[in-house]
């Protein structure tokens, strides 16, 4: 798992947000088995910021490498519109961390109230 996949996201403030990722093994292009792994995801205004927004992160199908990140409408309502960065990190049974996905997040403010 050397390569980090880049995927940019758009979140509408005040709305529920969910994104599903299906991971593949780099050498074989087969589904990545996440048995024994834990996933974490955060977004920040910039990578060095001390203020983080934690995504709810679930490995939904261990054998097929499916990870879902999400935020509730109440959580997104409290995010200031603008540009952020995020990543998803997995932790294996030996406590080795691997960043698997990263990118930018655009948080858009709605008009209708």
N, C-alpha and C. Protein backbone atom coordinates (compact mmCIF):
# COMPACT_ATOMS: atom_id res chain seq x y z
N UNK A 1 0.83 -1.20 0.00
CA UNK A 1 0.00 0.00 0.00
C UNK A 1 0.87 1.25 0.00
N UNK A 2 1.54 1.53 -1.07
CA UNK A 2 2.43 2.68 -1.12
C UNK A 2 1.74 3.92 -1.68
N UNK A 3 0.86 3.75 -2.64
CA UNK A 3 0.22 4.89 -3.29
C UNK A 3 -0.93 5.42 -2.45
N UNK A 4 -1.10 6.74 -2.48
CA UNK A 4 -2.22 7.38 -1.80
C UNK A 4 -3.17 7.88 -2.88
N UNK A 5 -4.41 7.44 -2.82
CA UNK A 5 -5.43 7.84 -3.79
C UNK A 5 -5.93 9.24 -3.44
N UNK A 6 -6.09 10.10 -4.44
CA UNK A 6 -6.58 11.46 -4.22
C UNK A 6 -8.02 11.54 -4.71
N UNK A 7 -8.89 12.02 -3.82
CA UNK A 7 -10.31 12.19 -4.15
C UNK A 7 -10.81 13.46 -3.47
N UNK A 8 -11.29 14.40 -4.25
CA UNK A 8 -11.82 15.64 -3.70
C UNK A 8 -13.30 15.50 -3.40
N UNK A 9 -13.76 16.18 -2.34
CA UNK A 9 -15.14 16.06 -1.86
C UNK A 9 -15.83 17.42 -1.83
N UNK A 10 -17.15 17.41 -1.95
CA UNK A 10 -17.98 18.60 -1.77
C UNK A 10 -19.01 18.28 -0.71
N UNK A 11 -19.07 19.14 0.32
CA UNK A 11 -20.04 18.99 1.40
C UNK A 11 -20.94 20.21 1.40
N UNK A 12 -22.25 19.98 1.40
CA UNK A 12 -23.22 21.08 1.51
C UNK A 12 -23.54 21.30 2.98
N UNK A 13 -23.21 22.49 3.49
CA UNK A 13 -23.43 22.80 4.91
C UNK A 13 -24.89 22.60 5.27
N UNK A 14 -25.13 21.95 6.39
CA UNK A 14 -26.48 21.71 6.86
C UNK A 14 -27.12 20.43 6.33
N UNK A 15 -26.41 19.72 5.46
CA UNK A 15 -26.93 18.48 4.89
C UNK A 15 -26.11 17.29 5.37
N UNK A 16 -26.75 16.14 5.43
CA UNK A 16 -26.01 14.92 5.72
C UNK A 16 -25.01 14.67 4.60
N UNK A 17 -23.85 14.13 4.96
CA UNK A 17 -22.80 13.83 3.98
C UNK A 17 -22.34 12.40 4.18
N UNK A 18 -22.13 11.70 3.07
CA UNK A 18 -21.60 10.34 3.12
C UNK A 18 -20.85 10.07 1.82
N UNK A 19 -19.71 9.39 1.94
CA UNK A 19 -18.93 9.02 0.77
C UNK A 19 -18.39 7.61 0.97
N UNK A 20 -18.55 6.77 -0.04
CA UNK A 20 -18.08 5.39 0.01
C UNK A 20 -16.85 5.23 -0.86
N UNK A 21 -15.85 4.53 -0.33
CA UNK A 21 -14.62 4.24 -1.06
C UNK A 21 -14.44 2.73 -1.11
N UNK A 22 -14.10 2.22 -2.29
CA UNK A 22 -13.80 0.80 -2.46
C UNK A 22 -12.32 0.67 -2.77
N UNK A 23 -11.57 0.08 -1.85
CA UNK A 23 -10.12 0.01 -1.96
C UNK A 23 -9.68 -1.25 -2.69
N UNK A 24 -8.56 -1.11 -3.44
CA UNK A 24 -7.99 -2.23 -4.17
C UNK A 24 -6.53 -2.42 -3.78
N UNK A 25 -6.07 -3.64 -3.86
CA UNK A 25 -4.66 -3.96 -3.66
C UNK A 25 -3.89 -3.44 -4.87
N UNK A 26 -2.82 -2.70 -4.67
CA UNK A 26 -2.08 -2.07 -5.76
C UNK A 26 -1.48 -3.09 -6.71
N UNK A 27 -0.86 -4.12 -6.18
CA UNK A 27 -0.13 -5.07 -7.03
C UNK A 27 -1.03 -5.97 -7.86
N UNK A 28 -2.25 -6.24 -7.39
CA UNK A 28 -3.12 -7.19 -8.10
C UNK A 28 -4.42 -6.58 -8.61
N UNK A 29 -4.73 -5.36 -8.21
CA UNK A 29 -6.00 -4.70 -8.54
C UNK A 29 -7.21 -5.47 -8.02
N UNK A 30 -6.99 -6.35 -7.04
CA UNK A 30 -8.10 -7.07 -6.43
C UNK A 30 -8.58 -6.28 -5.21
N UNK A 31 -9.75 -6.63 -4.73
CA UNK A 31 -10.30 -5.94 -3.56
C UNK A 31 -9.37 -6.09 -2.37
N UNK A 32 -9.20 -5.03 -1.59
CA UNK A 32 -8.31 -5.03 -0.43
C UNK A 32 -9.06 -5.59 0.78
N UNK A 33 -8.54 -6.65 1.35
CA UNK A 33 -9.14 -7.23 2.53
C UNK A 33 -8.70 -6.43 3.75
N UNK A 34 -9.64 -5.84 4.47
CA UNK A 34 -9.34 -4.99 5.62
C UNK A 34 -9.57 -5.71 6.95
N UNK A 35 -9.48 -7.02 6.95
CA UNK A 35 -9.63 -7.78 8.18
C UNK A 35 -8.56 -7.36 9.19
N UNK A 36 -8.99 -6.94 10.38
CA UNK A 36 -8.07 -6.52 11.43
C UNK A 36 -7.68 -5.05 11.37
N UNK A 37 -8.18 -4.31 10.40
CA UNK A 37 -7.85 -2.89 10.26
C UNK A 37 -8.90 -2.01 10.94
N UNK A 38 -8.48 -0.82 11.31
CA UNK A 38 -9.36 0.22 11.82
C UNK A 38 -9.13 1.45 10.94
N UNK A 39 -10.17 2.22 10.67
CA UNK A 39 -10.04 3.40 9.81
C UNK A 39 -10.41 4.67 10.59
N UNK A 40 -9.72 5.76 10.26
CA UNK A 40 -9.95 7.08 10.85
C UNK A 40 -9.92 8.11 9.73
N UNK A 41 -10.71 9.17 9.86
CA UNK A 41 -10.70 10.23 8.85
C UNK A 41 -10.96 11.57 9.53
N UNK A 42 -10.22 12.58 9.09
CA UNK A 42 -10.38 13.94 9.61
C UNK A 42 -10.25 14.94 8.47
N UNK A 43 -10.87 16.11 8.70
CA UNK A 43 -10.63 17.24 7.81
C UNK A 43 -10.20 18.43 8.66
N UNK A 44 -9.37 19.27 8.08
CA UNK A 44 -8.84 20.47 8.75
C UNK A 44 -8.73 21.59 7.73
N UNK A 45 -8.66 22.82 8.22
CA UNK A 45 -8.51 23.97 7.33
C UNK A 45 -7.19 23.88 6.56
N UNK A 46 -6.14 23.44 7.22
CA UNK A 46 -4.86 23.13 6.59
C UNK A 46 -4.24 22.00 7.40
N UNK A 47 -3.29 21.29 6.84
CA UNK A 47 -2.79 20.07 7.47
C UNK A 47 -2.21 20.29 8.86
N UNK A 48 -1.66 21.45 9.14
CA UNK A 48 -1.06 21.73 10.44
C UNK A 48 -2.01 22.33 11.47
N UNK A 49 -3.27 22.52 11.10
CA UNK A 49 -4.24 23.12 12.01
C UNK A 49 -4.50 22.21 13.21
N UNK A 50 -4.68 22.81 14.38
CA UNK A 50 -4.98 22.02 15.58
C UNK A 50 -6.47 21.71 15.68
N UNK A 51 -7.30 22.36 14.88
CA UNK A 51 -8.75 22.12 14.90
C UNK A 51 -9.12 21.10 13.83
N UNK A 52 -9.61 19.94 14.27
CA UNK A 52 -9.98 18.88 13.34
C UNK A 52 -11.47 18.59 13.43
N UNK A 53 -12.03 18.19 12.31
CA UNK A 53 -13.40 17.69 12.25
C UNK A 53 -13.28 16.20 11.95
N UNK A 54 -13.79 15.38 12.86
CA UNK A 54 -13.70 13.94 12.71
C UNK A 54 -14.90 13.40 11.94
N UNK A 55 -14.63 12.67 10.88
CA UNK A 55 -15.67 11.96 10.16
C UNK A 55 -16.03 10.70 10.95
N UNK A 56 -17.28 10.30 10.87
CA UNK A 56 -17.65 8.96 11.32
C UNK A 56 -17.11 8.03 10.23
N UNK A 57 -16.31 7.04 10.61
CA UNK A 57 -15.65 6.19 9.64
C UNK A 57 -15.96 4.73 9.93
N UNK A 58 -16.45 4.02 8.92
CA UNK A 58 -16.86 2.63 9.09
C UNK A 58 -16.25 1.79 7.97
N UNK A 59 -15.66 0.67 8.33
CA UNK A 59 -15.28 -0.33 7.33
C UNK A 59 -16.52 -1.19 7.16
N UNK A 60 -17.27 -0.94 6.10
CA UNK A 60 -18.59 -1.58 5.98
C UNK A 60 -18.52 -3.01 5.48
N UNK A 61 -17.57 -3.30 4.60
CA UNK A 61 -17.40 -4.66 4.12
C UNK A 61 -15.91 -4.98 4.17
N UNK A 62 -15.52 -5.74 5.16
CA UNK A 62 -14.10 -6.02 5.40
C UNK A 62 -13.45 -6.70 4.21
N UNK A 63 -14.10 -7.70 3.65
CA UNK A 63 -13.48 -8.50 2.59
C UNK A 63 -13.34 -7.77 1.26
N UNK A 64 -14.10 -6.71 1.06
CA UNK A 64 -14.04 -5.99 -0.23
C UNK A 64 -13.44 -4.59 -0.10
N UNK A 65 -12.90 -4.24 1.06
CA UNK A 65 -12.23 -2.97 1.21
C UNK A 65 -13.12 -1.76 1.11
N UNK A 66 -14.34 -1.86 1.59
CA UNK A 66 -15.29 -0.75 1.50
C UNK A 66 -15.27 0.07 2.78
N UNK A 67 -14.96 1.36 2.65
CA UNK A 67 -14.93 2.30 3.77
C UNK A 67 -15.94 3.40 3.49
N UNK A 68 -16.72 3.76 4.51
CA UNK A 68 -17.68 4.86 4.39
C UNK A 68 -17.33 5.93 5.41
N UNK A 69 -17.22 7.18 4.94
CA UNK A 69 -17.05 8.31 5.86
C UNK A 69 -18.32 9.14 5.81
N UNK A 70 -18.68 9.75 6.94
CA UNK A 70 -19.92 10.52 6.95
C UNK A 70 -19.89 11.60 8.03
N UNK A 71 -20.78 12.58 7.84
CA UNK A 71 -21.06 13.64 8.81
C UNK A 71 -22.56 13.85 8.81
N UNK A 72 -23.12 14.18 9.97
CA UNK A 72 -24.55 14.48 10.05
C UNK A 72 -24.80 15.91 9.59
N UNK A 73 -26.06 16.20 9.30
CA UNK A 73 -26.44 17.57 8.93
C UNK A 73 -26.12 18.56 10.03
N UNK A 74 -26.28 18.16 11.27
CA UNK A 74 -25.96 19.04 12.40
C UNK A 74 -24.45 19.33 12.44
N UNK A 75 -23.63 18.34 12.13
CA UNK A 75 -22.18 18.57 12.10
C UNK A 75 -21.80 19.51 10.95
N UNK A 76 -22.35 19.28 9.76
CA UNK A 76 -21.97 20.11 8.61
C UNK A 76 -22.50 21.54 8.74
N UNK A 77 -23.60 21.70 9.48
CA UNK A 77 -24.16 23.03 9.71
C UNK A 77 -23.18 23.93 10.45
N UNK A 78 -22.33 23.33 11.28
CA UNK A 78 -21.38 24.08 12.10
C UNK A 78 -20.01 24.27 11.46
N UNK A 79 -19.86 23.84 10.20
CA UNK A 79 -18.59 24.02 9.49
C UNK A 79 -18.66 25.29 8.67
N UNK A 80 -17.67 26.14 8.85
CA UNK A 80 -17.60 27.39 8.09
C UNK A 80 -17.32 27.05 6.61
N UNK A 81 -18.11 27.62 5.69
CA UNK A 81 -17.88 27.35 4.27
C UNK A 81 -16.45 27.71 3.85
N UNK A 82 -15.92 26.95 2.93
CA UNK A 82 -14.56 27.20 2.44
C UNK A 82 -13.87 25.92 2.02
N UNK A 83 -12.57 26.01 1.90
CA UNK A 83 -11.74 24.91 1.43
C UNK A 83 -10.99 24.28 2.61
N UNK A 84 -10.97 22.95 2.63
CA UNK A 84 -10.31 22.18 3.69
C UNK A 84 -9.51 21.05 3.04
N UNK A 85 -8.71 20.36 3.85
CA UNK A 85 -8.03 19.15 3.41
C UNK A 85 -8.49 18.01 4.31
N UNK A 86 -8.43 16.79 3.79
CA UNK A 86 -8.82 15.62 4.59
C UNK A 86 -7.94 14.44 4.21
N UNK A 87 -7.94 13.44 5.06
CA UNK A 87 -7.36 12.16 4.69
C UNK A 87 -8.03 11.04 5.46
N UNK A 88 -7.82 9.83 4.97
CA UNK A 88 -8.29 8.62 5.62
C UNK A 88 -7.06 7.77 5.90
N UNK A 89 -6.94 7.34 7.15
CA UNK A 89 -5.81 6.53 7.59
C UNK A 89 -6.35 5.20 8.10
N UNK A 90 -5.64 4.11 7.74
CA UNK A 90 -6.00 2.82 8.31
C UNK A 90 -4.86 2.37 9.22
N UNK A 91 -5.24 1.62 10.25
CA UNK A 91 -4.31 1.12 11.26
C UNK A 91 -4.43 -0.39 11.26
N UNK A 92 -3.29 -1.08 11.03
CA UNK A 92 -3.36 -2.55 11.01
C UNK A 92 -3.17 -3.13 12.41
N UNK A 93 -3.16 -4.45 12.50
CA UNK A 93 -3.08 -5.12 13.80
C UNK A 93 -1.73 -4.91 14.48
N UNK A 94 -0.71 -4.45 13.74
CA UNK A 94 0.60 -4.16 14.32
C UNK A 94 0.77 -2.67 14.64
N UNK A 95 -0.32 -1.92 14.59
CA UNK A 95 -0.35 -0.47 14.84
C UNK A 95 0.42 0.33 13.80
N UNK A 96 0.53 -0.20 12.59
CA UNK A 96 1.16 0.52 11.49
C UNK A 96 0.09 1.34 10.78
N UNK A 97 0.33 2.65 10.68
CA UNK A 97 -0.62 3.55 10.03
C UNK A 97 -0.27 3.72 8.55
N UNK A 98 -1.31 3.75 7.71
CA UNK A 98 -1.14 4.00 6.29
C UNK A 98 -2.19 5.01 5.85
N UNK A 99 -1.74 6.10 5.24
CA UNK A 99 -2.69 7.05 4.65
C UNK A 99 -3.08 6.48 3.30
N UNK A 100 -4.38 6.25 3.11
CA UNK A 100 -4.82 5.59 1.89
C UNK A 100 -5.55 6.52 0.93
N UNK A 101 -6.19 7.56 1.47
CA UNK A 101 -6.94 8.52 0.64
C UNK A 101 -6.72 9.91 1.21
N UNK A 102 -6.57 10.88 0.33
CA UNK A 102 -6.46 12.26 0.75
C UNK A 102 -7.03 13.15 -0.33
N UNK A 103 -7.29 14.40 0.04
CA UNK A 103 -7.80 15.33 -0.95
C UNK A 103 -8.28 16.62 -0.32
N UNK A 104 -8.97 17.39 -1.13
CA UNK A 104 -9.53 18.66 -0.68
C UNK A 104 -11.02 18.49 -0.45
N UNK A 105 -11.56 19.32 0.44
CA UNK A 105 -13.00 19.35 0.70
C UNK A 105 -13.46 20.78 0.47
N UNK A 106 -14.49 20.93 -0.31
CA UNK A 106 -15.14 22.24 -0.45
C UNK A 106 -16.45 22.16 0.34
N UNK A 107 -16.60 23.06 1.30
CA UNK A 107 -17.84 23.15 2.06
C UNK A 107 -18.62 24.34 1.50
N UNK A 108 -19.83 24.05 0.98
CA UNK A 108 -20.65 25.09 0.36
C UNK A 108 -21.80 25.45 1.28
N UNK A 109 -22.06 26.74 1.38
CA UNK A 109 -23.17 27.23 2.18
C UNK A 109 -24.42 27.30 1.32
N UNK A 110 -25.54 26.85 1.85
CA UNK A 110 -26.80 26.91 1.12
C UNK A 110 -27.39 28.30 1.12
N UNK A 111 -28.38 28.49 0.28
CA UNK A 111 -29.06 29.79 0.18
C UNK A 111 -30.40 29.77 0.88
N UNK A 112 -31.17 28.72 0.65
CA UNK A 112 -32.52 28.62 1.21
C UNK A 112 -32.46 28.24 2.67
N UNK A 113 -33.20 28.98 3.52
CA UNK A 113 -33.20 28.72 4.96
C UNK A 113 -34.58 28.32 5.40
